Amino acid sequence: MSNEMLILIGVVSVIALLTLMIKGKVHPFIALGVVSIAVSLSAGIPMTEVIPTLVKGMGGTLGGVALIVGLGAMLGKIV
């Protein structure tokens, strides 16, 4: 797939995400899931790889955020 097409998919996905959350009043986690699945399918990822890819990506991101939140909570308790 060409770079221009991937950039177009990225721009459309951001617009779709904002539209779902602002106009559609959809919960951000649900909107991210729906848009992520749509982007992965439109980018050409095989159907059997979509969910494992999303779990791996979200798991890595949430793991890093959880560490920062946990350390921030401990620091807040100390202060």
Protein backbone atom coordinates (compact mmCIF):
# COMPACT_ATOMS: atom_id res chain seq x y z
CA MET A 1 0.00 0.00 0.00
CA SER A 2 1.33 3.46 -0.87
CA ASN A 3 2.39 6.06 1.66
CA GLU A 4 -0.22 8.50 0.41
CA MET A 5 -3.00 5.99 0.98
CA LEU A 6 -1.80 5.26 4.54
CA ILE A 7 -1.67 8.99 5.31
CA LEU A 8 -5.19 9.39 3.92
CA ILE A 9 -6.40 6.49 6.09
CA GLY A 10 -4.78 8.14 9.12
CA VAL A 11 -6.42 11.51 8.46
CA VAL A 12 -9.83 9.93 7.86
CA SER A 13 -9.48 7.85 11.03
CA VAL A 14 -8.77 10.94 13.16
CA ILE A 15 -11.80 12.69 11.68
CA ALA A 16 -13.95 9.59 12.27
CA LEU A 17 -12.71 9.30 15.85
CA LEU A 18 -13.48 12.92 16.64
CA THR A 19 -16.88 12.67 14.97
CA LEU A 20 -17.81 9.56 16.94
CA MET A 21 -16.80 11.12 20.26
CA ILE A 22 -18.03 14.68 19.78
CA LYS A 23 -21.11 14.35 17.58
CA GLY A 24 -22.04 10.75 18.34
CA LYS A 25 -21.36 10.96 22.11
CA VAL A 26 -19.72 7.50 21.96
CA HIS A 27 -17.44 6.54 24.85
CA PRO A 28 -13.79 7.18 23.84
CA PHE A 29 -12.69 3.58 24.51
CA ILE A 30 -15.44 2.19 22.27
CA ALA A 31 -14.71 4.79 19.57
CA LEU A 32 -10.98 3.93 19.65
CA GLY A 33 -11.78 0.25 19.30
CA VAL A 34 -14.14 0.72 16.38
CA VAL A 35 -11.82 3.10 14.52
CA SER A 36 -8.80 0.87 15.21
CA ILE A 37 -10.52 -2.14 13.71
CA ALA A 38 -11.63 -0.10 10.69
CA VAL A 39 -8.11 1.27 10.15
CA SER A 40 -6.48 -2.14 10.44
CA LEU A 41 -8.88 -3.66 7.92
CA SER A 42 -8.54 -0.76 5.49
CA ALA A 43 -4.73 -0.88 5.79
CA GLY A 44 -4.76 -4.47 4.58
CA ILE A 45 -4.10 -6.42 7.77
CA PRO A 46 -5.63 -9.92 7.44
CA MET A 47 -8.79 -10.54 9.48
CA THR A 48 -7.04 -13.22 11.57
CA GLU A 49 -4.35 -10.72 12.65
CA VAL A 50 -6.60 -7.77 13.53
CA ILE A 51 -7.51 -8.65 17.12
CA PRO A 52 -4.04 -9.92 18.17
CA THR A 53 -2.50 -6.74 16.75
CA LEU A 54 -4.98 -4.54 18.64
CA VAL A 55 -4.45 -6.43 21.90
CA LYS A 56 -0.68 -6.16 21.56
CA GLY A 57 -0.82 -2.44 20.75
CA MET A 58 -3.34 -1.47 23.42
CA GLY A 59 -1.67 -3.68 26.01
CA GLY A 60 1.68 -2.00 25.50
CA THR A 61 0.17 1.47 25.68
CA LEU A 62 -1.99 0.76 28.73
CA GLY A 63 0.96 -0.91 30.48
CA GLY A 64 3.07 2.23 30.10
CA VAL A 65 0.24 4.51 31.23
CA ALA A 66 -0.53 2.32 34.25
CA LEU A 67 3.07 2.61 35.41
CA ILE A 68 2.99 6.41 35.19
CA VAL A 69 -0.38 6.62 36.97
CA GLY A 70 0.80 4.27 39.73
CA LEU A 71 4.00 6.21 40.34
CA GLY A 72 2.07 9.49 40.28
CA ALA A 73 -0.38 8.15 42.89
CA MET A 74 2.47 7.09 45.16
CA LEU A 75 4.17 10.46 44.80
CA GLY A 76 0.86 12.23 45.50
CA LYS A 77 0.39 10.16 48.66
CA ILE A 78 3.89 11.04 49.87
CA VAL A 79 3.34 14.77 49.27
